[in-house]
Amino acid sequence: MSVSLSSIVKESQSVQADAFVSIVEKATELLCNENGTMRNFTVSDRLVKLAPVGEALVVGDLHGDLESLIAILEKSGFVNKMAQKKDAALIFLGDYGDRGTQSAELYCTVLKLKLVFPEQVILLRGNHEGPTDLLASPHDLPSQFQHRFKERWVVVYSKIRELFDCLYNAVFVEERYLMVHGGLPSKIHNIDEIARADTLHPGKSFLEELLWSDPDEEVQGVLSSPRGAGNLFGKAITKEVLEKLCVRVLIRGHEPCPEGFKVNHDGKVLTLFSRKGPPYFNAYGAYLDLPLSGKFENANQLLPYLHKF
């Protein structure tokens, strides 16, 4: 199969409201109806259980920065790799829109990739794709859509909000990794509670913590986050939760990093931030080309597979 990244990007840059709505509707239907075993992964509620075979390209926050996404996909050659290798998975950790000026184009490109590679592209929910009671602020997507789609923006925005509810809470690679957007639910008992975090919300804080929480080196236990949602969690929480889930490393996004990545909690947490420039002013973005079969004990062992740009 031959897939042209440049054609997908070109279409995304010129997409009009009706075509955008059609792409979003098709992707929403696909995501909401994913269930059971696909080629490389199994879907259980809003959890993806990914088989420990092949490789995964893991991409953090993009926030409407189409140029960073293009750079990642071109440098990694991963679109061609997915076309040639069926066990190559492309994982996005959420926060596709807001902040940057090309949110519509970014969503369109990512969703087109999902439609072309339905069993290889995995889309997580970020705090900028959260439910209405957990919306990030400022939430500038409505104003961006109004500028981009004029009088059709309300319909477009309504459709993208429906998509948000179909995005995944986490990716689980048994005995290896848990991938989320934000942080660890501090009182989680098992992986099923992560899978059902959206349906347990707002009675349980699991979804809020998955989307909003951050690791902290100074905190003992948990502390309310200065973000206004979620918590700061210490390394004892990381150790306890990862042991409960029988995984070794948490891979997450959510936090701007000057170098595009950072490691916390004695190597048990790896943060990726995959866009650069204003309004975050980080000098580098980063992404991870991860061999899924490897059993790495901490994130420092993953650094050879991490790429800055």
C-alpha atoms as a PDB file:
ATOM      1  CA  MET A   1       0.000   0.000   0.000  1.00  0.00           C
ATOM      2  CA  SER A   2       1.324   3.407  -1.003  1.00  0.00           C
ATOM      3  CA  VAL A   3       0.277   6.330   1.191  1.00  0.00           C
ATOM      4  CA  SER A   4       1.343   9.914   0.551  1.00  0.00           C
ATOM      5  CA  LEU A   5       1.834  12.001   3.684  1.00  0.00           C
ATOM      6  CA  SER A   6       2.106  15.129   1.561  1.00  0.00           C
ATOM      7  CA  SER A   7      -1.302  14.438   0.002  1.00  0.00           C
ATOM      8  CA  ILE A   8      -2.904  13.973   3.425  1.00  0.00           C
ATOM      9  CA  VAL A   9      -1.357  17.216   4.667  1.00  0.00           C
ATOM     10  CA  LYS A  10      -2.354  19.116   1.523  1.00  0.00           C
ATOM     11  CA  GLU A  11      -5.948  17.950   1.889  1.00  0.00           C
ATOM     12  CA  SER A  12      -5.936  18.964   5.555  1.00  0.00           C
ATOM     13  CA  GLN A  13      -4.659  22.450   4.760  1.00  0.00           C
ATOM     14  CA  SER A  14      -7.430  23.114   2.242  1.00  0.00           C
ATOM     15  CA  VAL A  15     -10.279  21.177   3.860  1.00  0.00           C
ATOM     16  CA  GLN A  16     -13.653  22.908   3.961  1.00  0.00           C
ATOM     17  CA  ALA A  17     -16.350  22.501   6.587  1.00  0.00           C
ATOM     18  CA  ASP A  18     -18.415  19.738   4.958  1.00  0.00           C
ATOM     19  CA  ALA A  19     -15.387  17.608   4.135  1.00  0.00           C
ATOM     20  CA  PHE A  20     -13.991  18.130   7.638  1.00  0.00           C
ATOM     21  CA  VAL A  21     -17.311  17.075   9.199  1.00  0.00           C
ATOM     22  CA  SER A  22     -17.338  13.961   7.019  1.00  0.00           C
ATOM     23  CA  ILE A  23     -13.821  12.979   8.146  1.00  0.00           C
ATOM     24  CA  VAL A  24     -14.683  13.560  11.805  1.00  0.00           C
ATOM     25  CA  GLU A  25     -17.918  11.555  11.529  1.00  0.00           C
ATOM     26  CA  LYS A  26     -16.147   8.608   9.882  1.00  0.00           C
ATOM     27  CA  ALA A  27     -13.373   8.638  12.498  1.00  0.00           C
ATOM     28  CA  THR A  28     -15.892   8.913  15.348  1.00  0.00           C
ATOM     29  CA  GLU A  29     -17.882   5.956  14.048  1.00  0.00           C
ATOM     30  CA  LEU A  30     -14.692   3.929  13.651  1.00  0.00           C
ATOM     31  CA  LEU A  31     -13.380   4.750  17.125  1.00  0.00           C
ATOM     32  CA  CYS A  32     -16.670   4.253  18.929  1.00  0.00           C
ATOM     33  CA  ASN A  33     -17.203   0.866  17.282  1.00  0.00           C
ATOM     34  CA  GLU A  34     -13.732  -0.526  17.908  1.00  0.00           C
ATOM     35  CA  ASN A  35     -14.200  -3.503  20.191  1.00  0.00           C
ATOM     36  CA  GLY A  36     -12.413  -6.756  20.883  1.00  0.00           C
ATOM     37  CA  THR A  37      -9.296  -7.889  19.065  1.00  0.00           C
ATOM     38  CA  MET A  38      -7.883  -5.950  16.138  1.00  0.00           C
ATOM     39  CA  ARG A  39      -4.648  -6.896  14.379  1.00  0.00           C
ATOM     40  CA  ASN A  40      -2.212  -5.577  16.978  1.00  0.00           C
ATOM     41  CA  PHE A  41      -4.412  -4.552  19.861  1.00  0.00           C
ATOM     42  CA  THR A  42      -7.487  -5.383  21.888  1.00  0.00           C
ATOM     43  CA  VAL A  43     -10.054  -2.780  22.876  1.00  0.00           C
ATOM     44  CA  SER A  44     -11.791  -3.011  26.223  1.00  0.00           C
ATOM     45  CA  ASP A  45     -14.075  -0.042  26.952  1.00  0.00           C
ATOM     46  CA  ARG A  46     -11.716   2.971  26.527  1.00  0.00           C
ATOM     47  CA  LEU A  47      -8.494   0.997  27.021  1.00  0.00           C
ATOM     48  CA  VAL A  48      -6.196  -0.293  24.288  1.00  0.00           C
ATOM     49  CA  LYS A  49      -4.205  -3.411  25.183  1.00  0.00           C
ATOM     50  CA  LEU A  50      -1.322  -3.411  22.739  1.00  0.00           C
ATOM     51  CA  ALA A  51       0.561  -6.610  21.936  1.00  0.00           C
ATOM     52  CA  PRO A  52       4.292  -6.504  22.811  1.00  0.00           C
ATOM     53  CA  VAL A  53       5.423  -7.033  19.217  1.00  0.00           C
ATOM     54  CA  GLY A  54       6.777  -4.722  16.556  1.00  0.00           C
ATOM     55  CA  GLU A  55       7.350  -1.050  17.281  1.00  0.00           C
ATOM     56  CA  ALA A  56       5.389   2.020  18.246  1.00  0.00           C
ATOM     57  CA  LEU A  57       5.988   5.649  17.396  1.00  0.00           C
ATOM     58  CA  VAL A  58       4.748   7.589  20.432  1.00  0.00           C
ATOM     59  CA  VAL A  59       3.864  11.261  19.949  1.00  0.00           C
ATOM     60  CA  GLY A  60       3.095  13.703  22.757  1.00  0.00           C
ATOM     61  CA  ASP A  61       1.222  17.013  22.765  1.00  0.00           C
ATOM     62  CA  LEU A  62       0.948  18.790  19.400  1.00  0.00           C
ATOM     63  CA  HIS A  63      -1.474  21.650  20.171  1.00  0.00           C
ATOM     64  CA  GLY A  64      -2.232  22.738  16.643  1.00  0.00           C
ATOM     65  CA  ASP A  65       1.384  22.637  15.460  1.00  0.00           C
ATOM     66  CA  LEU A  66       1.097  20.912  12.101  1.00  0.00           C
ATOM     67  CA  GLU A  67       4.726  21.592  11.226  1.00  0.00           C
ATOM     68  CA  SER A  68       5.942  19.573  14.218  1.00  0.00           C
ATOM     69  CA  LEU A  69       3.742  16.627  13.234  1.00  0.00           C
ATOM     70  CA  ILE A  70       5.048  16.767   9.660  1.00  0.00           C
ATOM     71  CA  ALA A  71       8.630  16.881  10.948  1.00  0.00           C
ATOM     72  CA  ILE A  72       8.045  13.839  13.168  1.00  0.00           C
ATOM     73  CA  LEU A  73       6.434  11.757  10.438  1.00  0.00           C
ATOM     74  CA  GLU A  74       9.013  12.732   7.818  1.00  0.00           C
ATOM     75  CA  LYS A  75      12.043  12.185  10.074  1.00  0.00           C
ATOM     76  CA  SER A  76      10.738   8.834  11.314  1.00  0.00           C
ATOM     77  CA  GLY A  77       9.437   7.660   7.938  1.00  0.00           C
ATOM     78  CA  PHE A  78       6.672   6.065   9.954  1.00  0.00           C
ATOM     79  CA  VAL A  79       3.825   6.430   7.458  1.00  0.00           C
ATOM     80  CA  ASN A  80       5.740   4.288   4.968  1.00  0.00           C
ATOM     81  CA  LYS A  81       6.701   1.940   7.784  1.00  0.00           C
ATOM     82  CA  MET A  82       3.044   1.395   8.703  1.00  0.00           C
ATOM     83  CA  ALA A  83       2.252   0.666   5.073  1.00  0.00           C
ATOM     84  CA  GLN A  84       4.990  -1.987   4.972  1.00  0.00           C
ATOM     85  CA  LYS A  85       4.849  -3.436   8.494  1.00  0.00           C
ATOM     86  CA  LYS A  86       1.504  -4.333   9.990  1.00  0.00           C
ATOM     87  CA  ASP A  87       2.931  -4.476  13.531  1.00  0.00           C
ATOM     88  CA  ALA A  88       3.965  -0.793  13.464  1.00  0.00           C
ATOM     89  CA  ALA A  89       1.692   1.319  15.694  1.00  0.00           C
ATOM     90  CA  LEU A  90       1.388   5.102  15.787  1.00  0.00           C
ATOM     91  CA  ILE A  91       0.262   6.319  19.213  1.00  0.00           C
ATOM     92  CA  PHE A  92      -0.835   9.875  19.991  1.00  0.00           C
ATOM     93  CA  LEU A  93      -0.986  10.864  23.666  1.00  0.00           C
ATOM     94  CA  GLY A  94      -3.637  13.563  23.221  1.00  0.00           C
ATOM     95  CA  ASP A  95      -3.845  17.376  23.068  1.00  0.00           C
ATOM     96  CA  TYR A  96      -4.159  17.734  19.308  1.00  0.00           C
ATOM     97  CA  GLY A  97      -5.752  21.194  19.281  1.00  0.00           C
ATOM     98  CA  ASP A  98      -5.764  24.524  21.151  1.00  0.00           C
ATOM     99  CA  ARG A  99      -2.839  26.928  21.558  1.00  0.00           C
ATOM    100  CA  GLY A 100      -1.431  26.495  18.054  1.00  0.00           C
ATOM    101  CA  THR A 101      -2.949  28.105  14.978  1.00  0.00           C
ATOM    102  CA  GLN A 102      -3.563  24.946  12.914  1.00  0.00           C
ATOM    103  CA  SER A 103      -5.819  22.902  15.154  1.00  0.00           C
ATOM    104  CA  ALA A 104      -8.287  22.049  12.371  1.00  0.00           C
ATOM    105  CA  GLU A 105      -5.483  20.982  10.038  1.00  0.00           C
ATOM    106  CA  LEU A 106      -3.870  18.935  12.817  1.00  0.00           C
ATOM    107  CA  TYR A 107      -7.090  17.109  13.670  1.00  0.00           C
ATOM    108  CA  CYS A 108      -7.757  16.462   9.996  1.00  0.00           C
ATOM    109  CA  THR A 109      -4.279  14.991   9.399  1.00  0.00           C
ATOM    110  CA  VAL A 110      -4.404  12.744  12.472  1.00  0.00           C
ATOM    111  CA  LEU A 111      -7.921  11.521  11.692  1.00  0.00           C
ATOM    112  CA  LYS A 112      -7.043  10.820   8.058  1.00  0.00           C
ATOM    113  CA  LEU A 113      -4.134   8.697   9.293  1.00  0.00           C
ATOM    114  CA  LYS A 114      -6.545   6.809  11.555  1.00  0.00           C
ATOM    115  CA  LEU A 115      -8.907   6.167   8.640  1.00  0.00           C
ATOM    116  CA  VAL A 116      -6.073   4.941   6.389  1.00  0.00           C
ATOM    117  CA  PHE A 117      -4.467   2.787   9.125  1.00  0.00           C
ATOM    118  CA  PRO A 118      -7.396   1.889  11.413  1.00  0.00           C
ATOM    119  CA  GLU A 119      -5.632  -1.010  13.142  1.00  0.00           C
ATOM    120  CA  GLN A 120      -2.320   0.799  13.606  1.00  0.00           C
ATOM    121  CA  VAL A 121      -3.166   4.356  14.721  1.00  0.00           C
ATOM    122  CA  ILE A 122      -4.212   4.791  18.368  1.00  0.00           C
ATOM    123  CA  LEU A 123      -5.636   8.093  19.618  1.00  0.00           C
ATOM    124  CA  LEU A 124      -5.644   8.930  23.331  1.00  0.00           C
ATOM    125  CA  ARG A 125      -7.716  11.611  24.985  1.00  0.00           C
ATOM    126  CA  GLY A 126      -5.891  14.649  26.364  1.00  0.00           C
ATOM    127  CA  ASN A 127      -7.127  17.252  28.804  1.00  0.00           C
ATOM    128  CA  HIS A 128      -7.848  19.474  25.787  1.00  0.00           C
ATOM    129  CA  GLU A 129     -10.243  16.767  24.603  1.00  0.00           C
ATOM    130  CA  GLY A 130     -11.844  16.355  28.003  1.00  0.00           C
ATOM    131  CA  PRO A 131     -15.527  16.330  28.970  1.00  0.00           C
ATOM    132  CA  THR A 132     -17.278  19.674  29.348  1.00  0.00           C
ATOM    133  CA  ASP A 133     -16.782  19.731  33.139  1.00  0.00           C
ATOM    134  CA  LEU A 134     -13.000  19.300  32.703  1.00  0.00           C
ATOM    135  CA  LEU A 135     -12.333  21.686  29.834  1.00  0.00           C
ATOM    136  CA  ALA A 136      -8.858  23.200  29.649  1.00  0.00           C
ATOM    137  CA  SER A 137      -8.713  26.986  29.794  1.00  0.00           C
ATOM    138  CA  PRO A 138      -8.203  28.875  27.610  1.00  0.00           C
ATOM    139  CA  HIS A 139     -10.112  26.628  25.223  1.00  0.00           C
ATOM    140  CA  ASP A 140      -9.566  28.432  21.946  1.00  0.00           C
ATOM    141  CA  LEU A 141     -10.830  25.741  19.586  1.00  0.00           C
ATOM    142  CA  PRO A 142     -14.249  27.417  19.111  1.00  0.00           C
ATOM    143  CA  SER A 143     -12.655  30.711  18.070  1.00  0.00           C
ATOM    144  CA  GLN A 144     -10.225  28.900  15.765  1.00  0.00           C
ATOM    145  CA  PHE A 145     -13.077  27.007  14.121  1.00  0.00           C
ATOM    146  CA  GLN A 146     -15.119  30.198  13.797  1.00  0.00           C
ATOM    147  CA  HIS A 147     -12.215  31.835  11.951  1.00  0.00           C
ATOM    148  CA  ARG A 148     -11.526  28.730   9.849  1.00  0.00           C
ATOM    149  CA  PHE A 149     -15.064  27.561   8.988  1.00  0.00           C
ATOM    150  CA  LYS A 150     -17.088  30.778   9.286  1.00  0.00           C
ATOM    151  CA  GLU A 151     -20.852  30.185   9.685  1.00  0.00           C
ATOM    152  CA  ARG A 152     -20.368  26.376   9.743  1.00  0.00           C
ATOM    153  CA  TRP A 153     -18.165  26.423  12.834  1.00  0.00           C
ATOM    154  CA  VAL A 154     -20.909  25.398  15.304  1.00  0.00           C
ATOM    155  CA  VAL A 155     -21.598  22.176  13.397  1.00  0.00           C
ATOM    156  CA  VAL A 156     -17.884  21.445  13.053  1.00  0.00           C
ATOM    157  CA  TYR A 157     -17.244  22.033  16.752  1.00  0.00           C
ATOM    158  CA  SER A 158     -20.222  19.885  17.754  1.00  0.00           C
ATOM    159  CA  LYS A 159     -18.868  16.990  15.700  1.00  0.00           C
ATOM    160  CA  ILE A 160     -15.361  17.252  17.135  1.00  0.00           C
ATOM    161  CA  ARG A 161     -16.820  17.233  20.662  1.00  0.00           C
ATOM    162  CA  GLU A 162     -18.555  13.920  19.822  1.00  0.00           C
ATOM    163  CA  LEU A 163     -15.198  12.564  18.691  1.00  0.00           C
ATOM    164  CA  PHE A 164     -13.582  13.446  22.027  1.00  0.00           C
ATOM    165  CA  ASP A 165     -15.825  10.986  23.888  1.00  0.00           C
ATOM    166  CA  CYS A 166     -14.558   8.137  21.690  1.00  0.00           C
ATOM    167  CA  LEU A 167     -10.851   8.724  22.283  1.00  0.00           C
ATOM    168  CA  TYR A 168      -9.016   6.276  24.544  1.00  0.00           C
ATOM    169  CA  ASN A 169      -8.066   6.669  28.188  1.00  0.00           C
ATOM    170  CA  ALA A 170      -4.813   4.698  28.002  1.00  0.00           C
ATOM    171  CA  VAL A 171      -2.625   2.194  26.188  1.00  0.00           C
ATOM    172  CA  PHE A 172      -1.499  -0.845  28.177  1.00  0.00           C
ATOM    173  CA  VAL A 173       1.419  -3.042  27.128  1.00  0.00           C
ATOM    174  CA  GLU A 174       1.486  -5.928  29.583  1.00  0.00           C
ATOM    175  CA  GLU A 175       4.571  -6.124  31.834  1.00  0.00           C
ATOM    176  CA  ARG A 176       5.999  -3.091  30.034  1.00  0.00           C
ATOM    177  CA  TYR A 177       4.237   0.257  29.668  1.00  0.00           C
ATOM    178  CA  LEU A 178       1.204   2.285  30.560  1.00  0.00           C
ATOM    179  CA  MET A 179       0.646   5.259  28.245  1.00  0.00           C
ATOM    180  CA  VAL A 180      -1.696   8.073  29.265  1.00  0.00           C
ATOM    181  CA  HIS A 181      -2.010  11.776  28.609  1.00  0.00           C
ATOM    182  CA  GLY A 182      -1.551  13.166  32.103  1.00  0.00           C
ATOM    183  CA  GLY A 183      -1.004  11.100  35.211  1.00  0.00           C
ATOM    184  CA  LEU A 184      -1.779   8.103  37.367  1.00  0.00           C
ATOM    185  CA  PRO A 185      -5.047   7.762  39.272  1.00  0.00           C
ATOM    186  CA  SER A 186      -3.704   7.558  42.808  1.00  0.00           C
ATOM    187  CA  LYS A 187      -6.436   5.249  44.167  1.00  0.00           C
ATOM    188  CA  ILE A 188      -6.737   2.895  41.216  1.00  0.00           C
ATOM    189  CA  HIS A 189      -7.116  -0.805  41.987  1.00  0.00           C
ATOM    190  CA  ASN A 190      -6.809  -2.435  38.571  1.00  0.00           C
ATOM    191  CA  ILE A 191      -6.560  -1.800  34.849  1.00  0.00           C
ATOM    192  CA  ASP A 192     -10.338  -2.169  34.389  1.00  0.00           C
ATOM    193  CA  GLU A 193     -10.887   1.058  36.325  1.00  0.00           C
ATOM    194  CA  ILE A 194      -8.677   2.856  33.825  1.00  0.00           C
ATOM    195  CA  ALA A 195     -10.645   1.293  30.976  1.00  0.00           C
ATOM    196  CA  ARG A 196     -13.905   2.549  32.503  1.00  0.00           C
ATOM    197  CA  ALA A 197     -12.622   5.860  33.873  1.00  0.00           C
ATOM    198  CA  ASP A 198     -14.882   7.882  31.567  1.00  0.00           C
ATOM    199  CA  THR A 199     -18.043   6.040  32.636  1.00  0.00           C
ATOM    200  CA  LEU A 200     -17.021   6.268  36.312  1.00  0.00           C
ATOM    201  CA  HIS A 201     -16.614  10.048  35.950  1.00  0.00           C
ATOM    202  CA  PRO A 202     -17.453  12.261  37.806  1.00  0.00           C
ATOM    203  CA  GLY A 203     -18.157   9.967  40.746  1.00  0.00           C
ATOM    204  CA  LYS A 204     -14.560   8.769  40.670  1.00  0.00           C
ATOM    205  CA  SER A 205     -11.592  11.034  39.948  1.00  0.00           C
ATOM    206  CA  PHE A 206      -9.829   8.512  37.691  1.00  0.00           C
ATOM    207  CA  LEU A 207     -10.499  10.293  34.386  1.00  0.00           C
ATOM    208  CA  GLU A 208      -9.588  13.686  35.835  1.00  0.00           C
ATOM    209  CA  GLU A 209      -6.244  12.313  37.048  1.00  0.00           C
ATOM    210  CA  LEU A 210      -5.550  10.497  33.765  1.00  0.00           C
ATOM    211  CA  LEU A 211      -6.055  13.745  31.853  1.00  0.00           C
ATOM    212  CA  TRP A 212      -4.678  16.343  34.272  1.00  0.00           C
ATOM    213  CA  SER A 213      -2.207  15.023  36.867  1.00  0.00           C
ATOM    214  CA  ASP A 214       1.580  15.518  36.866  1.00  0.00           C
ATOM    215  CA  PRO A 215       4.517  13.756  38.553  1.00  0.00           C
ATOM    216  CA  ASP A 216       6.419  15.799  41.126  1.00  0.00           C
ATOM    217  CA  GLU A 217       9.745  15.071  42.823  1.00  0.00           C
ATOM    218  CA  GLU A 218       8.963  16.938  46.050  1.00  0.00           C
ATOM    219  CA  VAL A 219       5.431  15.762  46.782  1.00  0.00           C
ATOM    220  CA  GLN A 220       4.794  12.923  49.191  1.00  0.00           C
ATOM    221  CA  GLY A 221       1.652  11.100  48.104  1.00  0.00           C
ATOM    222  CA  VAL A 222      -0.676  13.490  46.254  1.00  0.00           C
ATOM    223  CA  LEU A 223      -1.306  17.223  46.339  1.00  0.00           C
ATOM    224  CA  SER A 224      -3.971  19.254  44.534  1.00  0.00           C
ATOM    225  CA  SER A 225      -2.572  20.522  41.250  1.00  0.00           C
ATOM    226  CA  PRO A 226      -2.021  24.236  40.612  1.00  0.00           C
ATOM    227  CA  ARG A 227      -3.617  23.565  37.212  1.00  0.00           C
ATOM    228  CA  GLY A 228      -7.009  23.561  38.964  1.00  0.00           C
ATOM    229  CA  ALA A 229      -7.725  19.916  38.125  1.00  0.00           C
ATOM    230  CA  GLY A 230      -5.931  16.663  38.829  1.00  0.00           C
ATOM    231  CA  ASN A 231      -3.087  16.177  41.298  1.00  0.00           C
ATOM    232  CA  LEU A 232       0.630  16.329  41.680  1.00  0.00           C
ATOM    233  CA  PHE A 233       1.740  12.799  42.568  1.00  0.00           C
ATOM    234  CA  GLY A 234       4.979  11.631  44.159  1.00  0.00           C
ATOM    235  CA  LYS A 235       7.220   8.710  43.309  1.00  0.00           C
ATOM    236  CA  ALA A 236       5.665   6.472  45.971  1.00  0.00           C
ATOM    237  CA  ILE A 237       2.342   6.748  44.106  1.00  0.00           C
ATOM    238  CA  THR A 238       4.081   5.920  40.822  1.00  0.00           C
ATOM    239  CA  LYS A 239       5.732   2.860  42.341  1.00  0.00           C
ATOM    240  CA  GLU A 240       2.501   1.645  43.962  1.00  0.00           C
ATOM    241  CA  VAL A 241       0.280   2.082  40.895  1.00  0.00           C
ATOM    242  CA  LEU A 242       2.736   0.642  38.386  1.00  0.00           C
ATOM    243  CA  GLU A 243       3.208  -2.404  40.609  1.00  0.00           C
ATOM    244  CA  LYS A 244      -0.575  -2.878  40.845  1.00  0.00           C
ATOM    245  CA  LEU A 245      -0.816  -2.793  37.064  1.00  0.00           C
ATOM    246  CA  CYS A 246       2.300  -4.956  36.518  1.00  0.00           C
ATOM    247  CA  VAL A 247       4.000  -2.430  34.245  1.00  0.00           C
ATOM    248  CA  ARG A 248       7.458  -0.910  34.470  1.00  0.00           C
ATOM    249  CA  VAL A 249       7.260   2.583  32.961  1.00  0.00           C
ATOM    250  CA  LEU A 250       4.625   5.303  32.614  1.00  0.00           C
ATOM    251  CA  ILE A 251       4.831   7.148  29.281  1.00  0.00           C
ATOM    252  CA  ARG A 252       2.833  10.388  29.203  1.00  0.00           C
ATOM    253  CA  GLY A 253       2.552  13.869  27.721  1.00  0.00           C
ATOM    254  CA  HIS A 254       0.798  16.953  29.156  1.00  0.00           C
ATOM    255  CA  GLU A 255       3.835  18.925  30.377  1.00  0.00           C
ATOM    256  CA  PRO A 256       5.950  21.279  28.250  1.00  0.00           C
ATOM    257  CA  CYS A 257       9.618  20.256  28.445  1.00  0.00           C
ATOM    258  CA  PRO A 258      12.486  22.540  27.334  1.00  0.00           C
ATOM    259  CA  GLU A 259      14.274  19.553  25.784  1.00  0.00           C
ATOM    260  CA  GLY A 260      11.082  17.899  24.507  1.00  0.00           C
ATOM    261  CA  PHE A 261      11.181  15.212  27.201  1.00  0.00           C
ATOM    262  CA  LYS A 262      11.979  14.589  30.842  1.00  0.00           C
ATOM    263  CA  VAL A 263      12.378  11.634  33.204  1.00  0.00           C
ATOM    264  CA  ASN A 264      10.902  11.519  36.720  1.00  0.00           C
ATOM    265  CA  HIS A 265      10.559   9.232  39.716  1.00  0.00           C
ATOM    266  CA  ASP A 266      13.794   7.242  39.473  1.00  0.00           C
ATOM    267  CA  GLY A 267      13.223   6.519  35.795  1.00  0.00           C
ATOM    268  CA  LYS A 268       9.653   5.261  36.139  1.00  0.00           C
ATOM    269  CA  VAL A 269       8.040   8.195  34.294  1.00  0.00           C
ATOM    270  CA  LEU A 270       8.871   9.496  30.815  1.00  0.00           C
ATOM    271  CA  THR A 271       7.198  12.709  29.607  1.00  0.00           C
ATOM    272  CA  LEU A 272       7.073  13.561  25.892  1.00  0.00           C
ATOM    273  CA  PHE A 273       6.190  16.976  24.464  1.00  0.00           C
ATOM    274  CA  SER A 274       6.113  16.807  20.680  1.00  0.00           C
ATOM    275  CA  ARG A 275       5.616  20.383  19.537  1.00  0.00           C
ATOM    276  CA  LYS A 276       7.949  23.329  19.967  1.00  0.00           C
ATOM    277  CA  GLY A 277       7.907  27.089  19.848  1.00  0.00           C
ATOM    278  CA  PRO A 278       5.364  29.632  21.125  1.00  0.00           C
ATOM    279  CA  PRO A 279       3.415  29.750  23.328  1.00  0.00           C
ATOM    280  CA  TYR A 280       5.585  27.201  25.149  1.00  0.00           C
ATOM    281  CA  PHE A 281       8.986  28.323  23.849  1.00  0.00           C
ATOM    282  CA  ASN A 282      10.634  24.931  24.314  1.00  0.00           C
ATOM    283  CA  ALA A 283      13.740  24.648  22.125  1.00  0.00           C
ATOM    284  CA  TYR A 284      13.003  21.039  21.148  1.00  0.00           C
ATOM    285  CA  GLY A 285      10.134  18.652  20.609  1.00  0.00           C
ATOM    286  CA  ALA A 286      10.589  14.913  21.046  1.00  0.00           C
ATOM    287  CA  TYR A 287       9.023  11.602  20.079  1.00  0.00           C
ATOM    288  CA  LEU A 288       9.741   7.974  20.909  1.00  0.00           C
ATOM    289  CA  ASP A 289      10.345   5.100  18.487  1.00  0.00           C
ATOM    290  CA  LEU A 290       9.700   2.249  20.875  1.00  0.00           C
ATOM    291  CA  PRO A 291      10.500  -1.452  20.443  1.00  0.00           C
ATOM    292  CA  LEU A 292       7.444  -3.000  22.046  1.00  0.00           C
ATOM    293  CA  SER A 293       8.968  -6.388  22.804  1.00  0.00           C
ATOM    294  CA  GLY A 294      11.741  -4.994  25.011  1.00  0.00           C
ATOM    295  CA  LYS A 295      11.321  -5.211  28.770  1.00  0.00           C
ATOM    296  CA  PHE A 296      13.010  -2.039  29.955  1.00  0.00           C
ATOM    297  CA  GLU A 297      13.090  -1.444  33.685  1.00  0.00           C
ATOM    298  CA  ASN A 298      13.154   2.355  33.531  1.00  0.00           C
ATOM    299  CA  ALA A 299      12.811   5.280  31.177  1.00  0.00           C
ATOM    300  CA  ASN A 300      16.534   5.997  31.059  1.00  0.00           C
ATOM    301  CA  GLN A 301      16.920   2.800  29.041  1.00  0.00           C
ATOM    302  CA  LEU A 302      14.482   4.246  26.497  1.00  0.00           C
ATOM    303  CA  LEU A 303      16.556   7.336  25.789  1.00  0.00           C
ATOM    304  CA  PRO A 304      18.409   5.743  22.834  1.00  0.00           C
ATOM    305  CA  TYR A 305      14.995   5.397  21.150  1.00  0.00           C
ATOM    306  CA  LEU A 306      14.014   9.000  21.819  1.00  0.00           C
ATOM    307  CA  HIS A 307      14.420  11.586  19.060  1.00  0.00           C
ATOM    308  CA  LYS A 308      14.618  15.345  19.479  1.00  0.00           C
ATOM    309  CA  PHE A 309      13.922  17.792  16.683  1.00  0.00           C
END
